[in-house]
Amino acid sequence: MPQTLDAERTSSERAQELIAAARALGPEFEAAARQAETERKLPLELVAKMREARLFWMKSPLELGGSELDPLDFCDVVEEIAYHDASAAWATMIGNGTTGTIAGWVPEEGIREIFGSEQLPIFAGQYVPRGKAVPVEGGYRVTGRWTFCSGIPHADWVVGGARVEGSSEILLITAPKSAATVYDTWFVAGLQGTGSNDFSLEDEFVPAHRTMRLVGETPKRGGALYQQPQLVFLSNELPPIAVGIARRALDDMLTMAKGTARQIGGASLADRAAFQKTIGRVEAKWRSARLLYRDAVAQSWDLMRAGLDIDDELSAAFKARHTFVVETCTEVVAEVFRYGGGRVLSLDNPMQRHYRNLIAATQHVYLTEENFELAGKATLEHLSPEL
């Protein structure tokens, strides 16, 4: 297995090293952004540099060669990458969440197989149970097709949710990508560079040691990070991407405003009171969104470390906050986008990319408007009868 990182360093110290690596790669993320959109996947030479910087294993245990970052430290790294390019950040998010889930919860025999080489693995896949797992001796025969598998062009392994035939149990199953059929389906208007294609398995044998329950699985290794329920383990991933994109969009528009006038011979955009008011408002909205998601992440982490459960009411509240943050970041970019004029419509102008990527992010299944319904229902159920 790969060499274990120094466990004597704190999570924050490990994160600072990763942030520095991401920042150093920033110009390359930005330079490759248009190419990634055109090719509909990250350039493999960029992925190789991300591998070298160890950006895909921030949620994998130290003992397997990962950096096992605390949740807010992970968010700091993802924000940094998203500031430079949304597709790179999205691929980082998916690579970390899927690989980290398998690394923390799959049985030891499966880990020896998956993490058995010097090169750390990268997973891609879909947890929604779109597959069927038929029990057989030693494991399952799995058939299914999974959609929106971001990062699959550069992944080594696939993971998919599957219902066990004859029961209500849902498993996460894993297989080498070479066993899967990958479909080139990612023709979209946002997050184009994420390579979020489909894959399928047809009657593929998956040994039991390469499976885990989607809900309620006991962690097999790692520290406090893996004591979280799997879905909470994944819950801090989308907001830092949205916050990083929105911050870059604001900075790009502020730079553009200094040399832009919407009327011939008129005042520069930066000197117009309407624009100044908008900037004042959206800066406040962006900062409040960032604080809100970080407070939710910190609160859930504190509860977990204190040995307290995250009940359905709190879970609903956290999901609603995360949804609100991504929606707010999208609104922030929409408010400043209109000041850019025709130039921001150019495919070479990053402003249209920021806006499209955020709109695409709001479509993620985790960010459904039902999160607000569930949070509101939980709040109403706890109101005093007299109110």
Foldseek 3Di string as FASTA:
>chain_A
DADFDPPVDALLVVLVLLLVLLLVCLVVLQVCQLVLLVVLAGPVVSVVSCQVSLLLQCLAFRVLHGSNHQLVSNLSNLLSNLLRPLLVSVLSLQQHLVLNVQRWFFDPVQCCVQSVDNRHFTEWEEAPAQKEFEDDPQFTFIWGKTFQGFPVVPGQKYWYWHAYPPDRFIKIAMDGCVQKAWDQDQDDQASSSRSRTMIIHGRDGTGSSRMATQFDGDTDDHPLLSLDTSVLNSLLRQLSSLLSLLVSLLVLLVVVQVPDDPDVVDDGNVPDPVSVVLSVVLVVLSVVLVVQLVVLSVVVSVCSVVVHDCDQLSVLVNLQSSLVSLVSSLVSLVSSVVVPPPVCVDSSHCSVRSNRHSVVSCPDPSNDPVSVVSNVVSVVVPDDPVD
